[in-house]
Amino acid sequence: MAIQYSVTHRTNAMTQLITDIGATCVIKIWTGSIPTNCATPDTGVLLVTFAGGSPFGTAATGTLTVNSVANAVATDAGTAGYFRIYPSAATSTNAVMQGTCGTSGTDMILTSAMIGIGNTIQFTSMYITAFGV
């Protein structure tokens, strides 16, 4: 049997995630496989960085939806493999969360997983559900 949590507890967890990320987060998209955990150093080639602003709205019913994120210009070329979200002072080992990215069936949905240098990149959706549903 899986442990389950109340909607209130799960919503509080998503609210804490917003606090941990901070008012101005940095979102980076990398090539390759997702690292073991958020404390593991970044791997792969950094393709694009979305910086500034807080794209997260208010947590509700144990979920968090990303609001609009400004487009960013790719600094390298490759196939997107994973993303990481950091507080404003991003380092290679202080990611607050990470997940897979691609055009479907991933945590972050991109318009195209193939990224070229100088391309304007946007992601179309990200929906985060708290643990213990």
N, C-alpha and C. Protein backbone atom coordinates (compact mmCIF):
# COMPACT_ATOMS: atom_id res chain seq x y z
N MET A 1 0.84 -1.18 0.00
CA MET A 1 0.00 0.00 0.00
C MET A 1 0.89 1.24 0.00
N ALA A 2 0.57 2.20 -0.83
CA ALA A 2 1.35 3.44 -0.95
C ALA A 2 0.89 4.45 0.09
N ILE A 3 1.84 5.20 0.61
CA ILE A 3 1.51 6.26 1.56
C ILE A 3 0.80 7.37 0.80
N GLN A 4 -0.23 7.92 1.40
CA GLN A 4 -0.96 9.02 0.79
C GLN A 4 -1.00 10.20 1.77
N TYR A 5 -1.09 11.41 1.21
CA TYR A 5 -1.15 12.62 2.01
C TYR A 5 -2.41 13.40 1.67
N SER A 6 -2.84 14.24 2.60
CA SER A 6 -4.01 15.07 2.35
C SER A 6 -3.70 16.11 1.27
N VAL A 7 -4.76 16.60 0.65
CA VAL A 7 -4.61 17.66 -0.35
C VAL A 7 -3.95 18.88 0.30
N THR A 8 -4.30 19.18 1.54
CA THR A 8 -3.71 20.33 2.24
C THR A 8 -2.20 20.16 2.36
N HIS A 9 -1.76 18.99 2.78
CA HIS A 9 -0.32 18.74 2.93
C HIS A 9 0.39 18.83 1.57
N ARG A 10 -0.21 18.26 0.54
CA ARG A 10 0.41 18.29 -0.79
C ARG A 10 0.46 19.72 -1.32
N THR A 11 -0.59 20.51 -1.09
CA THR A 11 -0.58 21.91 -1.52
C THR A 11 0.48 22.69 -0.76
N ASN A 12 0.63 22.43 0.54
CA ASN A 12 1.69 23.08 1.32
C ASN A 12 3.08 22.73 0.77
N ALA A 13 3.25 21.49 0.32
CA ALA A 13 4.54 21.08 -0.25
C ALA A 13 4.83 21.86 -1.53
N MET A 14 3.82 22.06 -2.36
CA MET A 14 4.00 22.82 -3.60
C MET A 14 4.26 24.30 -3.30
N THR A 15 3.63 24.83 -2.26
CA THR A 15 3.89 26.21 -1.83
C THR A 15 5.34 26.34 -1.35
N GLN A 16 5.85 25.35 -0.64
CA GLN A 16 7.24 25.37 -0.19
C GLN A 16 8.19 25.30 -1.38
N LEU A 17 7.83 24.55 -2.40
CA LEU A 17 8.65 24.49 -3.61
C LEU A 17 8.80 25.88 -4.22
N ILE A 18 7.71 26.63 -4.28
CA ILE A 18 7.77 28.00 -4.79
C ILE A 18 8.74 28.84 -3.95
N THR A 19 8.67 28.69 -2.63
CA THR A 19 9.57 29.42 -1.73
C THR A 19 11.02 29.02 -1.97
N ASP A 20 11.29 27.73 -2.11
CA ASP A 20 12.66 27.24 -2.33
C ASP A 20 13.24 27.75 -3.64
N ILE A 21 12.43 27.83 -4.67
CA ILE A 21 12.89 28.32 -5.97
C ILE A 21 13.16 29.81 -5.90
N GLY A 22 12.36 30.54 -5.17
CA GLY A 22 12.57 31.97 -5.00
C GLY A 22 11.83 32.81 -6.02
N ALA A 23 11.94 34.10 -5.85
CA ALA A 23 11.18 35.05 -6.68
C ALA A 23 11.70 35.14 -8.11
N THR A 24 12.97 34.84 -8.32
CA THR A 24 13.54 34.92 -9.68
C THR A 24 14.35 33.66 -9.95
N CYS A 25 13.71 32.67 -10.50
CA CYS A 25 14.38 31.39 -10.75
C CYS A 25 15.10 31.38 -12.09
N VAL A 26 15.92 30.36 -12.26
CA VAL A 26 16.63 30.10 -13.51
C VAL A 26 16.24 28.69 -13.95
N ILE A 27 15.84 28.55 -15.21
CA ILE A 27 15.50 27.24 -15.77
C ILE A 27 16.48 26.95 -16.90
N LYS A 28 17.16 25.80 -16.81
CA LYS A 28 18.13 25.42 -17.84
C LYS A 28 17.73 24.10 -18.47
N ILE A 29 17.95 24.00 -19.77
CA ILE A 29 17.69 22.77 -20.51
C ILE A 29 19.03 22.22 -20.99
N TRP A 30 19.24 20.93 -20.75
CA TRP A 30 20.49 20.24 -21.04
C TRP A 30 20.26 19.06 -21.98
N THR A 31 21.32 18.62 -22.65
CA THR A 31 21.28 17.37 -23.41
C THR A 31 21.54 16.21 -22.45
N GLY A 32 21.25 15.01 -22.90
CA GLY A 32 21.63 13.81 -22.15
C GLY A 32 20.59 13.36 -21.14
N SER A 33 21.05 12.43 -20.30
CA SER A 33 20.19 11.83 -19.28
C SER A 33 20.16 12.68 -18.03
N ILE A 34 19.04 12.65 -17.35
CA ILE A 34 18.85 13.41 -16.12
C ILE A 34 19.81 12.90 -15.04
N PRO A 35 20.46 13.79 -14.29
CA PRO A 35 21.35 13.36 -13.21
C PRO A 35 20.60 12.56 -12.14
N THR A 36 21.35 11.86 -11.32
CA THR A 36 20.79 11.00 -10.28
C THR A 36 19.83 11.75 -9.36
N ASN A 37 20.22 12.93 -8.92
CA ASN A 37 19.37 13.75 -8.06
C ASN A 37 19.79 15.22 -8.21
N CYS A 38 19.09 16.11 -7.55
CA CYS A 38 19.34 17.55 -7.72
C CYS A 38 20.70 18.02 -7.20
N ALA A 39 21.32 17.25 -6.32
CA ALA A 39 22.63 17.61 -5.79
C ALA A 39 23.77 17.12 -6.68
N THR A 40 23.47 16.24 -7.63
CA THR A 40 24.47 15.75 -8.58
C THR A 40 24.78 16.88 -9.56
N PRO A 41 26.06 17.11 -9.88
CA PRO A 41 26.40 18.19 -10.81
C PRO A 41 25.69 18.06 -12.16
N ASP A 42 25.48 19.21 -12.80
CA ASP A 42 24.91 19.25 -14.14
C ASP A 42 25.73 18.37 -15.07
N THR A 43 25.04 17.73 -16.03
CA THR A 43 25.73 16.93 -17.04
C THR A 43 25.20 17.31 -18.41
N GLY A 44 25.91 16.92 -19.44
CA GLY A 44 25.48 17.21 -20.79
C GLY A 44 25.88 18.60 -21.23
N VAL A 45 25.30 19.03 -22.34
CA VAL A 45 25.57 20.34 -22.92
C VAL A 45 24.41 21.26 -22.57
N LEU A 46 24.73 22.43 -22.04
CA LEU A 46 23.70 23.43 -21.74
C LEU A 46 23.20 24.02 -23.05
N LEU A 47 21.91 23.86 -23.32
CA LEU A 47 21.34 24.34 -24.57
C LEU A 47 20.73 25.72 -24.45
N VAL A 48 19.99 25.96 -23.37
CA VAL A 48 19.28 27.23 -23.24
C VAL A 48 19.03 27.53 -21.76
N THR A 49 19.03 28.81 -21.43
CA THR A 49 18.76 29.26 -20.07
C THR A 49 17.62 30.28 -20.09
N PHE A 50 16.59 29.99 -19.32
CA PHE A 50 15.49 30.94 -19.10
C PHE A 50 15.77 31.58 -17.76
N ALA A 51 15.98 32.89 -17.72
CA ALA A 51 16.37 33.55 -16.48
C ALA A 51 15.41 34.66 -16.11
N GLY A 52 15.24 34.82 -14.82
CA GLY A 52 14.45 35.92 -14.30
C GLY A 52 12.98 35.61 -14.21
N GLY A 53 12.36 36.27 -13.31
CA GLY A 53 10.92 36.11 -13.13
C GLY A 53 10.56 34.88 -12.34
N SER A 54 9.35 34.82 -11.92
CA SER A 54 8.83 33.67 -11.19
C SER A 54 7.65 33.12 -11.97
N PRO A 55 7.84 32.05 -12.71
CA PRO A 55 6.78 31.54 -13.57
C PRO A 55 5.70 30.75 -12.84
N PHE A 56 5.89 30.53 -11.53
CA PHE A 56 4.96 29.69 -10.81
C PHE A 56 3.85 30.50 -10.17
N GLY A 57 2.64 30.01 -10.35
CA GLY A 57 1.47 30.64 -9.75
C GLY A 57 1.29 30.15 -8.32
N THR A 58 0.09 30.12 -7.87
CA THR A 58 -0.24 29.65 -6.53
C THR A 58 -0.55 28.16 -6.58
N ALA A 59 -0.04 27.43 -5.60
CA ALA A 59 -0.33 26.01 -5.52
C ALA A 59 -1.80 25.80 -5.13
N ALA A 60 -2.41 24.78 -5.71
CA ALA A 60 -3.80 24.45 -5.39
C ALA A 60 -4.03 22.96 -5.60
N THR A 61 -4.78 22.38 -4.72
CA THR A 61 -5.14 20.95 -4.77
C THR A 61 -3.94 20.04 -5.03
N GLY A 62 -2.81 20.38 -4.41
CA GLY A 62 -1.62 19.54 -4.52
C GLY A 62 -0.89 19.63 -5.83
N THR A 63 -1.18 20.65 -6.61
CA THR A 63 -0.52 20.80 -7.90
C THR A 63 -0.01 22.22 -8.09
N LEU A 64 0.87 22.36 -9.06
CA LEU A 64 1.46 23.65 -9.38
C LEU A 64 1.58 23.72 -10.90
N THR A 65 1.09 24.79 -11.48
CA THR A 65 1.15 24.99 -12.92
C THR A 65 2.08 26.15 -13.22
N VAL A 66 2.91 25.99 -14.23
CA VAL A 66 3.81 27.07 -14.64
C VAL A 66 3.01 28.06 -15.47
N ASN A 67 3.14 29.32 -15.11
CA ASN A 67 2.54 30.40 -15.89
C ASN A 67 3.43 30.66 -17.10
N SER A 68 3.27 31.75 -17.76
CA SER A 68 4.08 32.04 -18.94
C SER A 68 5.55 32.19 -18.58
N VAL A 69 6.40 31.71 -19.45
CA VAL A 69 7.85 31.82 -19.31
C VAL A 69 8.35 32.52 -20.57
N ALA A 70 9.15 33.57 -20.38
CA ALA A 70 9.68 34.30 -21.53
C ALA A 70 10.55 33.39 -22.38
N ASN A 71 10.47 33.54 -23.69
CA ASN A 71 11.31 32.78 -24.60
C ASN A 71 12.77 33.09 -24.33
N ALA A 72 13.65 32.17 -24.71
CA ALA A 72 15.09 32.36 -24.55
C ALA A 72 15.78 31.90 -25.83
N VAL A 73 16.98 32.39 -26.05
CA VAL A 73 17.75 32.05 -27.24
C VAL A 73 18.77 30.96 -26.88
N ALA A 74 18.80 29.89 -27.68
CA ALA A 74 19.71 28.77 -27.44
C ALA A 74 21.16 29.19 -27.65
N THR A 75 22.04 28.73 -26.76
CA THR A 75 23.46 29.04 -26.84
C THR A 75 24.28 27.88 -27.39
N ASP A 76 23.64 26.71 -27.57
CA ASP A 76 24.31 25.55 -28.14
C ASP A 76 23.27 24.70 -28.86
N ALA A 77 23.72 23.66 -29.54
CA ALA A 77 22.82 22.81 -30.32
C ALA A 77 22.82 21.39 -29.79
N GLY A 78 21.66 20.73 -29.88
CA GLY A 78 21.56 19.34 -29.46
C GLY A 78 20.11 18.97 -29.22
N THR A 79 19.92 17.75 -28.70
CA THR A 79 18.59 17.27 -28.37
C THR A 79 18.35 17.44 -26.88
N ALA A 80 17.27 18.13 -26.54
CA ALA A 80 16.94 18.36 -25.13
C ALA A 80 16.68 17.03 -24.44
N GLY A 81 17.28 16.86 -23.26
CA GLY A 81 17.10 15.63 -22.49
C GLY A 81 16.44 15.87 -21.15
N TYR A 82 16.86 16.95 -20.47
CA TYR A 82 16.30 17.23 -19.16
C TYR A 82 16.40 18.72 -18.86
N PHE A 83 15.64 19.13 -17.85
CA PHE A 83 15.70 20.51 -17.38
C PHE A 83 15.98 20.52 -15.88
N ARG A 84 16.47 21.64 -15.42
CA ARG A 84 16.64 21.87 -13.99
C ARG A 84 16.16 23.27 -13.67
N ILE A 85 15.57 23.43 -12.49
CA ILE A 85 15.15 24.74 -12.01
C ILE A 85 15.97 25.06 -10.78
N TYR A 86 16.59 26.24 -10.80
CA TYR A 86 17.49 26.69 -9.74
C TYR A 86 16.96 28.00 -9.13
N PRO A 87 17.43 28.33 -7.91
CA PRO A 87 17.17 29.68 -7.42
C PRO A 87 17.99 30.66 -8.27
N SER A 88 17.81 31.96 -8.06
CA SER A 88 18.47 32.96 -8.92
C SER A 88 19.99 32.81 -8.97
N ALA A 89 20.60 32.37 -7.89
CA ALA A 89 22.06 32.17 -7.86
C ALA A 89 22.35 30.70 -8.21
N ALA A 90 22.15 30.34 -9.46
CA ALA A 90 22.29 28.95 -9.90
C ALA A 90 23.74 28.50 -9.87
N THR A 91 23.96 27.28 -9.33
CA THR A 91 25.26 26.61 -9.42
C THR A 91 25.00 25.21 -9.98
N SER A 92 26.05 24.48 -10.24
CA SER A 92 25.87 23.16 -10.86
C SER A 92 25.27 22.13 -9.90
N THR A 93 25.18 22.46 -8.61
CA THR A 93 24.66 21.48 -7.65
C THR A 93 23.55 22.02 -6.76
N ASN A 94 22.92 23.15 -7.12
CA ASN A 94 21.85 23.65 -6.25
C ASN A 94 20.47 23.66 -6.93
N ALA A 95 20.26 22.75 -7.86
CA ALA A 95 18.94 22.66 -8.49
C ALA A 95 17.91 22.34 -7.43
N VAL A 96 16.75 22.96 -7.53
CA VAL A 96 15.65 22.70 -6.61
C VAL A 96 14.78 21.57 -7.14
N MET A 97 14.67 21.49 -8.46
CA MET A 97 13.94 20.38 -9.08
C MET A 97 14.49 20.13 -10.48
N GLN A 98 14.22 18.94 -10.98
CA GLN A 98 14.66 18.56 -12.32
C GLN A 98 13.65 17.59 -12.90
N GLY A 99 13.66 17.46 -14.21
CA GLY A 99 12.75 16.52 -14.87
C GLY A 99 13.13 16.36 -16.33
N THR A 100 12.43 15.48 -17.00
CA THR A 100 12.69 15.22 -18.41
C THR A 100 12.00 16.27 -19.27
N CYS A 101 12.49 16.44 -20.49
CA CYS A 101 11.82 17.36 -21.41
C CYS A 101 11.85 16.78 -22.82
N GLY A 102 10.83 17.14 -23.57
CA GLY A 102 10.67 16.67 -24.93
C GLY A 102 9.36 17.20 -25.49
N THR A 103 8.90 16.61 -26.57
CA THR A 103 7.69 17.11 -27.22
C THR A 103 6.40 16.45 -26.72
N SER A 104 6.52 15.33 -26.01
CA SER A 104 5.35 14.69 -25.42
C SER A 104 5.81 13.65 -24.40
N GLY A 105 4.94 13.33 -23.46
CA GLY A 105 5.23 12.28 -22.49
C GLY A 105 6.38 12.59 -21.54
N THR A 106 6.71 13.86 -21.37
CA THR A 106 7.79 14.26 -20.48
C THR A 106 7.27 15.29 -19.48
N ASP A 107 8.12 15.65 -18.53
CA ASP A 107 7.71 16.62 -17.50
C ASP A 107 7.56 18.03 -18.05
N MET A 108 8.44 18.43 -18.95
CA MET A 108 8.36 19.74 -19.61
C MET A 108 8.13 19.50 -21.09
N ILE A 109 7.10 20.11 -21.62
CA ILE A 109 6.77 19.94 -23.04
C ILE A 109 7.37 21.11 -23.83
N LEU A 110 8.19 20.77 -24.82
CA LEU A 110 8.80 21.76 -25.70
C LEU A 110 8.13 21.72 -27.07
N THR A 111 8.22 22.80 -27.81
CA THR A 111 7.69 22.80 -29.17
C THR A 111 8.54 21.92 -30.08
N SER A 112 9.85 21.80 -29.77
CA SER A 112 10.75 20.91 -30.49
C SER A 112 11.88 20.52 -29.56
N ALA A 113 12.25 19.24 -29.53
CA ALA A 113 13.37 18.78 -28.70
C ALA A 113 14.71 19.02 -29.38
N MET A 114 14.69 19.22 -30.70
CA MET A 114 15.91 19.52 -31.45
C MET A 114 16.16 21.02 -31.36
N ILE A 115 17.26 21.39 -30.75
CA ILE A 115 17.55 22.80 -30.51
C ILE A 115 18.82 23.18 -31.26
N GLY A 116 18.77 24.31 -31.95
CA GLY A 116 19.92 24.80 -32.70
C GLY A 116 20.42 26.11 -32.10
N ILE A 117 21.70 26.39 -32.25
CA ILE A 117 22.28 27.64 -31.76
C ILE A 117 21.53 28.82 -32.36
N GLY A 118 21.16 29.75 -31.50
CA GLY A 118 20.46 30.95 -31.94
C GLY A 118 18.96 30.79 -32.09
N ASN A 119 18.45 29.56 -31.95
CA ASN A 119 17.00 29.36 -32.03
C ASN A 119 16.32 30.00 -30.83
N THR A 120 15.14 30.55 -31.06
CA THR A 120 14.32 31.04 -29.96
C THR A 120 13.54 29.85 -29.41
N ILE A 121 13.67 29.60 -28.12
CA ILE A 121 13.09 28.41 -27.50
C ILE A 121 11.97 28.82 -26.55
N GLN A 122 10.91 28.03 -26.58
CA GLN A 122 9.83 28.21 -25.62
C GLN A 122 9.36 26.83 -25.17
N PHE A 123 8.85 26.75 -23.96
CA PHE A 123 8.19 25.50 -23.60
C PHE A 123 6.73 25.82 -23.36
N THR A 124 5.89 24.85 -23.72
CA THR A 124 4.47 25.13 -23.78
C THR A 124 3.72 24.75 -22.52
N SER A 125 4.27 23.85 -21.71
CA SER A 125 3.56 23.51 -20.48
C SER A 125 4.46 22.76 -19.50
N MET A 126 4.13 22.94 -18.24
CA MET A 126 4.72 22.15 -17.18
C MET A 126 3.71 22.14 -16.04
N TYR A 127 3.43 20.97 -15.54
CA TYR A 127 2.43 20.78 -14.51
C TYR A 127 3.06 19.88 -13.47
N ILE A 128 3.16 20.34 -12.22
CA ILE A 128 3.85 19.59 -11.17
C ILE A 128 2.82 19.10 -10.16
N THR A 129 2.84 17.81 -9.90
CA THR A 129 1.92 17.21 -8.92
C THR A 129 2.73 16.75 -7.72
N ALA A 130 2.25 17.07 -6.54
CA ALA A 130 2.94 16.69 -5.31
C ALA A 130 2.89 15.17 -5.11
N PHE A 131 3.79 14.69 -4.32
CA PHE A 131 3.92 13.27 -3.97
C PHE A 131 2.69 12.80 -3.17
N GLY A 132 2.54 11.49 -3.08
CA GLY A 132 1.54 10.88 -2.20
C GLY A 132 0.09 11.11 -2.57
N VAL A 133 -0.19 11.09 -3.87
CA VAL A 133 -1.57 11.30 -4.33
C VAL A 133 -2.45 10.16 -3.86
